[in-house]
Amino acid sequence: MGLKTAQEYKESLRDGRTVYICGERVADVYAHPMLKTCIETAALDYEMTVMPEYRDLAVITLETGEPISRYYHQPQNAEDLLKRHELMVAATRLGGGAIPFTHDIASDTINAINITANLMGKKEYVERAEAYRRYLQQHDLAVAAAVTDAKGDRSLRPSSPQQTHPDYYVRVVDRNQDGIIVRGAKAHITGAAYFNEMLVIPSRNMTQEDADYAVAFAIPVNTRGLTQVCHPSKTAFGPYEFPVTDRPVRWHTDSLIIFDDVFVPWERVFLCGEWQFAMPLVYNFAYFHRHTAASYRIPISEMMVGMAQAMAEYNGIIRMSHVREKITDLVIYLNMLKSLSRSACVDYVVHGGFATPNPTITNMAKYYFASNYHDCVKIVQDMAGGLLSTAPTYKDYQNPELHQFIDKYLGGKAGVPTEHRLRMLQLIRRILDPEIEVLAVHGEGSFEAQRMTIYAEALADIQVFKQYAEREAGIRT
């Protein structure tokens, strides 16, 4: 098969999966208004494969002549990583700040599984991982990454008897000659309700006592015993927003995934009890996933620069020196993120036979954008002014009795239509949604996780630098 069309992807979702949203069971995910918006966003990945301007980025041809999604190709060098990076940036621009998500995080996960299997050297895992990658290439599936566990008391280990119950982390509760039975929950899982499968991996390091929790596997989302509870999602422009005919609403939602004694056949199991490899699997995932995060943040950062510049011009304050300084800060933020993201590809490392974005630089990119994001939001809000919160709605503006007054009194700089100013405020509200702010902090790992990785990856160099300093101080020759 090789590649799916967008319509084939949409039709594949009608498979009897168990999904709830706002307290109700969803009979047809594509017919549900909230999920339909998300599905149209996700379908962009499939649309890009047939769009002439994106085909070379989105598709790669195997030696057999079979075209496949670039995401499911094994990265072998800097060029492969850069192309993957450029694809994610292009997809996010096309989505108006919303990346499709159907393949990118899946590729982060299958890459990590392949690398860990190779490093482990366990033949059956290597063969299963390779077979699953080939399955994804052949069927062009949309796959969610189920990583974050519910956790319970975060100060306690998964297997601690002090946890209220043993199922805060996904674990193996039984196994037989055919496969394993798993129980537990994963949280904050983007796209799972409208993807085909999910790859499940641990979210932390494990000890020997936690061996039952050291489990990784792939599973169709309509598997018996698997239930999803979705977060509500935007479906249309809000009351403040002017309709934009050529820019539909783009949004995603996340799921709480409940595994109620779910069966997984052995051929889809990639880790089962090898607790020593839980953390390497997490790290290998993070190396790719945090680079993915830095990549899709670039178009959002570009938009922040553009929104700040537009509002400064519309409000007549662009010539003020402190305003230009703040916009310059946004430009520095954007270009630092671009440089770090590309540098991580160029200065790649090889893990388990896979070209991998440089772990130190990747974590620097993720930490930089997340730790500075709120300062950038503050700049855009400052340029926008108080109307960002108090402007009349679009319906008020359209009311014949009010239109002339709103148009007169909410104008800004001469020559800039009031409607343009109100439309830009609408865009800022959408792009700087509070949910996006939370995602910047908590998505792809915490601040401390990135700092720990940066230090761990740099430790060998730090020791060299220490020796250099000691030599110069005359402490050692």
Protein backbone atom coordinates (compact mmCIF):
# COMPACT_ATOMS: atom_id res chain seq x y z
CA MET A 1 0.00 0.00 0.00
CA GLY A 2 2.62 2.57 1.04
CA LEU A 3 0.61 5.77 1.32
CA LYS A 4 -2.97 6.53 2.38
CA THR A 5 -5.13 9.34 1.09
CA ALA A 6 -6.68 11.75 3.57
CA GLN A 7 -10.10 10.21 2.91
CA GLU A 8 -8.80 6.68 3.48
CA TYR A 9 -7.35 7.84 6.79
CA LYS A 10 -10.72 9.32 7.84
CA GLU A 11 -12.65 6.21 6.85
CA SER A 12 -10.22 4.00 8.80
CA LEU A 13 -11.39 5.60 12.06
CA ARG A 14 -14.83 3.98 11.92
CA ASP A 15 -13.77 0.83 13.74
CA GLY A 16 -15.85 0.59 16.93
CA ARG A 17 -13.30 2.20 19.24
CA THR A 18 -14.40 3.20 22.74
CA VAL A 19 -14.15 6.98 23.09
CA TYR A 20 -15.91 9.34 25.49
CA ILE A 21 -16.08 13.12 25.42
CA CYS A 22 -18.03 15.40 27.75
CA GLY A 23 -19.56 12.35 29.46
CA GLU A 24 -20.96 10.71 26.34
CA ARG A 25 -19.84 7.68 24.31
CA VAL A 26 -18.89 8.71 20.77
CA ALA A 27 -20.63 6.58 18.17
CA ASP A 28 -18.59 7.85 15.20
CA VAL A 29 -15.45 9.89 15.87
CA TYR A 30 -15.48 11.51 12.44
CA ALA A 31 -19.09 12.63 12.83
CA HIS A 32 -18.50 14.17 16.27
CA PRO A 33 -18.11 17.97 15.87
CA MET A 34 -15.22 18.32 18.32
CA LEU A 35 -13.28 15.34 17.02
CA LYS A 36 -14.03 16.13 13.37
CA THR A 37 -12.08 19.39 13.75
CA CYS A 38 -9.13 17.43 15.15
CA ILE A 39 -9.34 14.83 12.37
CA GLU A 40 -9.25 17.52 9.69
CA THR A 41 -6.12 18.89 11.38
CA ALA A 42 -4.51 15.44 11.51
CA ALA A 43 -5.40 14.77 7.85
CA LEU A 44 -2.96 17.48 6.75
CA ASP A 45 -0.16 14.91 7.01
CA TYR A 46 -1.91 12.81 4.38
CA GLU A 47 -2.79 15.81 2.22
CA MET A 48 0.84 16.94 2.11
CA THR A 49 1.90 13.74 0.35
CA VAL A 50 -0.07 14.73 -2.76
CA MET A 51 0.61 18.48 -2.69
CA PRO A 52 3.38 19.26 -5.24
CA GLU A 53 5.05 21.85 -3.02
CA TYR A 54 5.40 19.37 -0.14
CA ARG A 55 5.69 15.93 -1.75
CA ASP A 56 9.50 15.80 -1.74
CA LEU A 57 9.49 16.63 1.95
CA ALA A 58 6.63 14.35 2.98
CA VAL A 59 7.48 11.27 0.89
CA ILE A 60 10.59 9.18 0.47
CA THR A 61 10.97 6.29 -1.98
CA LEU A 62 12.46 3.01 -0.78
CA GLU A 63 14.96 1.03 -2.85
CA THR A 64 12.03 -1.19 -3.84
CA GLY A 65 10.40 1.81 -5.49
CA GLU A 66 7.69 1.99 -2.84
CA PRO A 67 6.79 5.51 -1.65
CA ILE A 68 6.39 5.86 2.13
CA SER A 69 5.96 8.65 4.66
CA ARG A 70 9.31 10.25 5.41
CA TYR A 71 8.51 9.96 9.10
CA TYR A 72 8.71 6.15 8.96
CA HIS A 73 12.07 6.12 7.18
CA GLN A 74 15.08 5.22 9.36
CA PRO A 75 17.19 8.40 9.64
CA GLN A 76 20.77 7.65 8.58
CA ASN A 77 22.50 11.03 8.37
CA ALA A 78 22.18 14.78 8.88
CA GLU A 79 20.26 15.22 5.63
CA ASP A 80 17.57 12.78 6.78
CA LEU A 81 17.21 14.61 10.10
CA LEU A 82 17.12 18.03 8.44
CA LYS A 83 14.44 16.91 5.97
CA ARG A 84 12.37 15.53 8.83
CA HIS A 85 12.81 18.82 10.70
CA GLU A 86 11.80 20.86 7.64
CA LEU A 87 8.73 18.63 7.15
CA MET A 88 7.53 19.29 10.69
CA VAL A 89 8.07 23.03 10.29
CA ALA A 90 6.20 23.05 6.98
CA ALA A 91 3.33 20.97 8.39
CA THR A 92 2.92 23.33 11.35
CA ARG A 93 2.93 26.39 9.08
CA LEU A 94 0.28 24.71 6.92
CA GLY A 95 -1.77 24.02 10.04
CA GLY A 96 -1.58 27.63 11.21
CA GLY A 97 0.39 26.63 14.30
CA ALA A 98 -1.15 23.17 14.76
CA ILE A 99 1.06 20.26 13.68
CA PRO A 100 -0.91 17.27 12.28
CA PHE A 101 0.69 14.79 14.77
CA THR A 102 -0.32 11.61 12.91
CA HIS A 103 3.23 10.47 12.10
CA ASP A 104 5.84 12.65 13.81
CA ILE A 105 5.50 11.52 17.43
CA ALA A 106 4.92 7.98 16.18
CA SER A 107 8.28 8.16 14.44
CA ASP A 108 9.89 9.49 17.63
CA THR A 109 8.57 6.39 19.41
CA ILE A 110 9.32 3.69 16.84
CA ASN A 111 12.82 5.13 16.40
CA ALA A 112 13.34 4.84 20.17
CA ILE A 113 11.99 1.28 20.18
CA ASN A 114 14.26 0.25 17.29
CA ILE A 115 17.32 1.85 18.89
CA THR A 116 16.65 0.29 22.30
CA ALA A 117 16.07 -3.14 20.76
CA ASN A 118 19.36 -2.87 18.87
CA LEU A 119 21.24 -1.78 22.00
CA MET A 120 19.63 -4.58 24.02
CA GLY A 121 20.63 -7.11 21.38
CA LYS A 122 17.65 -9.36 22.04
CA LYS A 123 16.85 -10.99 18.70
CA GLU A 124 13.09 -11.25 19.09
CA TYR A 125 12.77 -7.57 20.04
CA VAL A 126 14.94 -6.46 17.12
CA GLU A 127 12.85 -8.51 14.70
CA ARG A 128 9.54 -7.33 16.18
CA ALA A 129 10.58 -3.67 16.07
CA GLU A 130 11.76 -3.95 12.46
CA ALA A 131 8.57 -5.76 11.48
CA TYR A 132 6.41 -3.10 13.10
CA ARG A 133 8.30 -0.30 11.34
CA ARG A 134 7.70 -2.09 8.07
CA TYR A 135 4.01 -2.45 8.99
CA LEU A 136 3.77 1.32 9.54
CA GLN A 137 5.50 1.99 6.22
CA GLN A 138 3.18 -0.34 4.32
CA HIS A 139 -0.09 0.86 5.89
CA ASP A 140 0.77 4.54 6.53
CA LEU A 141 -0.92 4.47 9.93
CA ALA A 142 -1.66 7.37 12.24
CA VAL A 143 -0.08 6.40 15.57
CA ALA A 144 -0.21 8.03 19.01
CA ALA A 145 2.60 7.84 21.54
CA ALA A 146 1.29 6.78 24.96
CA VAL A 147 4.11 7.72 27.31
CA THR A 148 2.94 9.67 30.37
CA ASP A 149 1.55 7.50 33.16
CA ALA A 150 -1.04 8.65 35.68
CA LYS A 151 1.73 8.35 38.35
CA GLY A 152 -0.30 8.65 41.58
CA ASP A 153 2.07 9.77 44.37
CA ARG A 154 5.04 11.00 42.38
CA SER A 155 7.41 10.59 45.30
CA LEU A 156 6.85 6.81 45.18
CA ARG A 157 8.05 4.20 42.75
CA PRO A 158 5.51 2.41 40.51
CA SER A 159 5.69 -0.79 42.57
CA SER A 160 5.68 0.91 45.98
CA PRO A 161 3.12 -0.68 48.36
CA GLN A 162 2.47 2.85 49.64
CA GLN A 163 0.79 3.80 46.36
CA THR A 164 -3.01 3.83 46.78
CA HIS A 165 -3.21 1.07 44.17
CA PRO A 166 -0.68 -0.64 41.87
CA ASP A 167 -2.12 0.61 38.55
CA TYR A 168 -0.99 4.23 38.39
CA TYR A 169 1.61 3.07 35.88
CA VAL A 170 0.80 0.67 33.05
CA ARG A 171 1.93 -2.82 34.05
CA VAL A 172 1.82 -6.47 33.02
CA VAL A 173 -0.70 -8.37 35.17
CA ASP A 174 -0.54 -11.69 33.35
CA ARG A 175 1.22 -13.42 30.49
CA ASN A 176 0.79 -16.65 28.54
CA GLN A 177 2.08 -18.29 25.39
CA ASP A 178 0.05 -15.90 23.21
CA GLY A 179 0.89 -12.58 24.81
CA ILE A 180 0.50 -10.32 27.83
CA ILE A 181 -2.36 -8.66 29.73
CA VAL A 182 -1.80 -5.04 30.75
CA ARG A 183 -3.60 -2.74 33.15
CA GLY A 184 -3.19 0.94 34.05
CA ALA A 185 -3.61 4.37 32.49
CA LYS A 186 -1.77 6.88 30.34
CA ALA A 187 -2.59 10.60 30.46
CA HIS A 188 -2.30 13.62 28.13
CA ILE A 189 -2.11 11.44 25.00
CA THR A 190 -2.56 13.68 21.96
CA GLY A 191 -4.57 12.40 19.02
CA ALA A 192 -5.20 8.86 20.27
CA ALA A 193 -8.98 9.17 19.83
CA TYR A 194 -8.63 9.69 16.07
CA PHE A 195 -5.47 7.73 15.25
CA ASN A 196 -5.22 4.08 14.22
CA GLU A 197 -2.81 2.69 16.79
CA MET A 198 -0.77 3.67 19.80
CA LEU A 199 2.77 2.86 20.83
CA VAL A 200 3.01 2.46 24.60
CA ILE A 201 6.36 2.92 26.38
CA PRO A 202 7.43 3.59 29.99
CA SER A 203 7.65 7.15 31.27
CA ARG A 204 10.53 6.76 33.76
CA ASN A 205 13.40 4.64 35.07
CA MET A 206 12.62 1.33 36.75
CA THR A 207 14.16 -0.92 39.39
CA GLN A 208 14.04 -4.70 39.58
CA GLU A 209 10.96 -4.40 41.81
CA ASP A 210 9.28 -2.42 39.01
CA ALA A 211 9.90 -5.08 36.36
CA ASP A 212 6.19 -5.55 35.61
CA TYR A 213 6.00 -1.87 34.72
CA ALA A 214 8.90 -2.08 32.25
CA VAL A 215 6.67 -2.76 29.26
CA ALA A 216 6.42 -1.40 25.73
CA PHE A 217 4.02 -2.47 23.00
CA ALA A 218 1.89 -1.46 20.02
CA ILE A 219 -1.87 -1.81 19.97
CA PRO A 220 -4.84 -0.82 17.74
CA VAL A 221 -7.03 1.79 19.44
CA ASN A 222 -10.15 -0.33 19.02
CA THR A 223 -8.71 -3.17 21.11
CA ARG A 224 -11.11 -4.62 23.67
CA GLY A 225 -10.62 -3.18 27.16
CA LEU A 226 -9.08 0.07 25.90
CA THR A 227 -11.16 3.18 26.74
CA GLN A 228 -10.39 6.83 25.98
CA VAL A 229 -11.74 9.87 27.81
CA CYS A 230 -11.10 13.01 25.74
CA HIS A 231 -10.54 16.61 26.71
CA PRO A 232 -13.02 19.00 24.98
CA SER A 233 -11.69 20.61 21.82
CA LYS A 234 -12.40 23.76 19.83
CA THR A 235 -14.74 23.20 16.92
CA ALA A 236 -15.21 26.64 15.38
CA PHE A 237 -14.22 30.26 15.66
CA GLY A 238 -15.34 31.77 18.95
CA PRO A 239 -17.64 34.77 19.50
CA TYR A 240 -14.77 37.25 19.19
CA GLU A 241 -13.49 35.77 15.99
CA PHE A 242 -14.08 36.84 12.43
CA PRO A 243 -14.68 33.87 10.13
CA VAL A 244 -11.71 33.12 7.88
CA THR A 245 -12.93 31.12 4.90
CA ASP A 246 -9.53 29.85 3.78
CA ARG A 247 -8.13 29.20 7.29
CA PRO A 248 -10.32 26.65 9.09
CA VAL A 249 -10.01 26.00 12.80
CA ARG A 250 -7.11 23.67 13.57
CA TRP A 251 -6.92 21.97 16.95
CA HIS A 252 -6.15 18.72 18.74
CA THR A 253 -7.39 17.02 21.84
CA ASP A 254 -5.82 14.66 24.36
CA SER A 255 -7.04 11.49 26.02
CA LEU A 256 -6.87 9.69 29.29
CA ILE A 257 -6.21 6.12 28.11
CA ILE A 258 -7.56 3.34 30.34
CA PHE A 259 -6.13 -0.17 29.91
CA ASP A 260 -8.62 -2.50 31.59
CA ASP A 261 -6.88 -5.87 31.28
CA VAL A 262 -5.97 -5.42 27.63
CA PHE A 263 -4.45 -8.31 25.69
CA VAL A 264 -1.32 -7.66 23.59
CA PRO A 265 0.11 -10.45 21.37
CA TRP A 266 3.83 -11.19 21.76
CA GLU A 267 4.68 -10.01 18.24
CA ARG A 268 3.68 -6.49 19.31
CA VAL A 269 5.61 -6.49 22.59
CA PHE A 270 8.97 -4.64 22.56
CA LEU A 271 9.85 -4.65 26.27
CA CYS A 272 8.54 -6.93 28.99
CA GLY A 273 10.32 -6.99 32.33
CA GLU A 274 13.76 -5.82 31.19
CA TRP A 275 13.72 -3.01 33.72
CA GLN A 276 17.31 -1.94 32.97
CA PHE A 277 16.19 -0.77 29.51
CA ALA A 278 13.15 1.26 30.57
CA MET A 279 15.15 4.44 31.07
CA PRO A 280 17.25 4.06 27.88
CA LEU A 281 13.97 3.69 25.98
CA VAL A 282 12.63 6.87 27.59
CA TYR A 283 15.83 8.77 26.78
CA ASN A 284 15.92 7.55 23.18
CA PHE A 285 12.33 8.72 22.78
CA ALA A 286 13.10 12.10 24.37
CA TYR A 287 16.07 12.73 22.06
CA PHE A 288 13.73 12.64 19.07
CA HIS A 289 10.58 13.97 20.71
CA ARG A 290 12.12 17.11 22.16
CA HIS A 291 13.59 17.87 18.76
CA THR A 292 10.12 17.41 17.27
CA ALA A 293 8.80 19.88 19.85
CA ALA A 294 11.47 22.45 19.02
CA SER A 295 10.68 22.05 15.32
CA TYR A 296 6.96 22.67 15.53
CA ARG A 297 7.51 25.62 17.86
CA ILE A 298 9.32 27.51 15.10
CA PRO A 299 6.18 28.49 13.09
CA ILE A 300 4.43 29.45 16.32
CA SER A 301 7.38 31.68 17.22
CA GLU A 302 7.37 33.20 13.74
CA MET A 303 3.72 34.04 14.24
CA MET A 304 4.48 35.66 17.61
CA VAL A 305 7.00 37.96 15.95
CA GLY A 306 4.50 38.82 13.22
CA MET A 307 1.64 39.45 15.65
CA ALA A 308 3.78 41.73 17.84
CA GLN A 309 5.02 43.71 14.85
CA ALA A 310 1.50 44.05 13.40
CA MET A 311 -0.06 45.24 16.66
CA ALA A 312 2.78 47.70 17.31
CA GLU A 313 2.16 49.18 13.86
CA TYR A 314 -1.64 49.14 14.19
CA ASN A 315 -1.42 50.83 17.60
CA GLY A 316 1.02 53.47 16.34
CA ILE A 317 3.84 52.59 18.75
CA ILE A 318 6.35 50.93 16.43
CA ARG A 319 8.79 53.88 16.52
CA MET A 320 9.18 53.71 20.30
CA SER A 321 12.59 52.33 21.21
CA HIS A 322 11.38 50.05 24.00
CA VAL A 323 8.82 48.52 21.62
CA ARG A 324 11.51 47.73 19.05
CA GLU A 325 13.68 46.26 21.80
CA LYS A 326 10.91 43.89 22.80
CA ILE A 327 10.26 42.79 19.23
CA THR A 328 14.01 42.28 18.86
CA ASP A 329 13.83 39.95 21.86
CA LEU A 330 11.23 37.91 19.98
CA VAL A 331 13.47 37.81 16.90
CA ILE A 332 16.37 36.56 19.05
CA TYR A 333 14.11 33.91 20.58
CA LEU A 334 12.95 32.71 17.16
CA ASN A 335 16.38 32.55 15.58
CA MET A 336 17.96 30.88 18.60
CA LEU A 337 15.31 28.17 18.32
CA LYS A 338 15.91 27.80 14.58
CA SER A 339 19.67 27.59 15.04
CA LEU A 340 19.55 25.06 17.86
CA SER A 341 17.04 22.86 16.01
CA ARG A 342 19.15 22.75 12.84
CA SER A 343 22.40 22.38 14.75
CA ALA A 344 21.04 19.31 16.52
CA CYS A 345 20.54 17.70 13.09
CA VAL A 346 23.91 18.70 11.65
CA ASP A 347 25.84 17.67 14.77
CA TYR A 348 23.92 14.39 15.10
CA VAL A 349 25.00 11.27 16.97
CA VAL A 350 24.41 7.62 16.14
CA HIS A 351 22.45 5.52 18.65
CA GLY A 352 21.71 1.88 17.87
CA GLY A 353 22.35 2.43 14.17
CA PHE A 354 20.05 5.47 13.92
CA ALA A 355 21.08 9.04 13.23
CA THR A 356 19.76 10.90 16.27
CA PRO A 357 19.48 14.67 16.89
CA ASN A 358 22.31 15.74 19.18
CA PRO A 359 20.90 15.11 22.69
CA THR A 360 22.59 18.07 24.38
CA ILE A 361 21.60 20.59 21.71
CA THR A 362 18.09 19.13 21.43
CA ASN A 363 17.47 19.50 25.15
CA MET A 364 18.91 23.01 25.03
CA ALA A 365 16.42 23.87 22.29
CA LYS A 366 13.48 22.47 24.25
CA TYR A 367 14.57 24.11 27.49
CA TYR A 368 15.22 27.44 25.77
CA PHE A 369 11.82 27.71 24.11
CA ALA A 370 9.90 26.47 27.15
CA SER A 371 11.67 28.56 29.78
CA ASN A 372 11.40 31.76 27.71
CA TYR A 373 7.96 31.20 26.22
CA HIS A 374 5.98 33.12 28.82
CA ASP A 375 8.24 36.15 28.43
CA CYS A 376 7.46 36.11 24.72
CA VAL A 377 3.74 35.85 25.42
CA LYS A 378 4.04 38.88 27.68
CA ILE A 379 5.65 40.88 24.87
CA VAL A 380 2.86 40.06 22.41
CA GLN A 381 0.24 40.89 25.03
CA ASP A 382 2.01 44.18 25.73
CA MET A 383 1.92 45.12 22.03
CA ALA A 384 -1.76 44.17 21.77
CA GLY A 385 -3.02 46.22 24.69
CA GLY A 386 -6.12 45.79 26.85
CA LEU A 387 -8.47 45.16 23.91
CA LEU A 388 -7.03 41.66 23.85
CA SER A 389 -9.32 40.96 26.82
CA THR A 390 -12.16 43.47 26.44
CA ALA A 391 -12.90 43.91 22.72
CA PRO A 392 -16.53 43.56 21.60
CA THR A 393 -17.43 40.34 19.82
CA TYR A 394 -17.61 39.77 16.08
CA LYS A 395 -21.41 39.70 16.36
CA ASP A 396 -21.39 43.13 18.00
CA TYR A 397 -19.23 44.43 15.15
CA GLN A 398 -21.70 43.02 12.61
CA ASN A 399 -24.73 44.58 14.34
CA PRO A 400 -25.86 47.55 12.17
CA GLU A 401 -26.75 49.56 15.29
CA LEU A 402 -23.25 49.16 16.75
CA HIS A 403 -20.96 48.76 13.77
CA GLN A 404 -20.32 52.43 13.07
CA PHE A 405 -19.48 53.17 16.71
CA ILE A 406 -17.14 50.21 17.12
CA ASP A 407 -15.51 50.98 13.79
CA LYS A 408 -15.04 54.62 14.82
CA TYR A 409 -13.83 54.26 18.39
CA LEU A 410 -11.72 51.11 18.14
CA GLY A 411 -9.65 52.32 15.25
CA GLY A 412 -5.90 52.71 15.70
CA LYS A 413 -3.29 54.23 13.44
CA ALA A 414 -4.67 56.12 10.44
CA GLY A 415 -4.93 53.90 7.40
CA VAL A 416 -5.37 50.68 9.40
CA PRO A 417 -9.00 49.45 9.27
CA THR A 418 -10.56 48.69 12.63
CA GLU A 419 -11.46 45.25 11.36
CA HIS A 420 -7.78 44.45 10.74
CA ARG A 421 -6.97 45.36 14.32
CA LEU A 422 -9.80 43.20 15.67
CA ARG A 423 -8.81 40.29 13.44
CA MET A 424 -5.22 40.42 14.68
CA LEU A 425 -6.45 40.41 18.28
CA GLN A 426 -8.49 37.31 17.43
CA LEU A 427 -5.37 35.58 16.08
CA ILE A 428 -3.39 36.42 19.22
CA ARG A 429 -6.12 34.95 21.44
CA ARG A 430 -6.05 31.74 19.44
CA ILE A 431 -2.28 31.31 19.18
CA LEU A 432 -1.64 32.28 22.80
CA ASP A 433 -4.42 30.11 24.21
CA PRO A 434 -3.75 29.20 27.87
CA GLU A 435 -3.68 25.51 26.94
CA ILE A 436 -0.70 26.23 24.69
CA GLU A 437 1.07 27.93 27.57
CA VAL A 438 0.61 24.83 29.73
CA LEU A 439 1.85 22.64 26.88
CA ALA A 440 5.01 24.74 26.57
CA VAL A 441 5.87 23.98 30.19
CA HIS A 442 4.79 20.35 30.53
CA GLY A 443 4.89 18.93 27.01
CA GLU A 444 7.87 16.73 26.11
CA GLY A 445 9.13 16.63 29.70
CA SER A 446 9.70 19.05 32.53
CA PHE A 447 12.31 21.80 32.75
CA GLU A 448 14.29 19.69 35.20
CA ALA A 449 14.24 16.67 32.87
CA GLN A 450 15.87 18.76 30.15
CA ARG A 451 18.47 20.21 32.52
CA MET A 452 19.33 16.75 33.86
CA THR A 453 19.79 15.45 30.32
CA ILE A 454 21.94 18.41 29.30
CA TYR A 455 24.23 17.89 32.30
CA ALA A 456 24.42 14.11 31.83
CA GLU A 457 25.18 14.37 28.12
CA ALA A 458 27.79 17.10 28.71
CA LEU A 459 29.49 15.43 31.69
CA ALA A 460 32.33 13.91 29.66
CA ASP A 461 33.12 17.32 28.15
CA ILE A 462 32.79 18.97 31.55
CA GLN A 463 35.50 16.67 32.91
CA VAL A 464 37.77 17.60 29.99
CA PHE A 465 37.15 21.28 30.68
CA LYS A 466 37.91 20.71 34.35
CA GLN A 467 41.23 19.11 33.48
CA TYR A 468 42.00 22.05 31.19
CA ALA A 469 41.26 24.52 34.00
CA GLU A 470 43.35 22.50 36.49
CA ARG A 471 46.27 22.37 34.08
CA GLU A 472 46.15 26.12 33.55
CA ALA A 473 45.99 26.63 37.33
CA GLY A 474 49.07 24.46 37.78
CA ILE A 475 47.16 21.77 39.67
CA ARG A 476 48.06 19.04 37.17
CA THR A 477 50.33 18.92 34.16
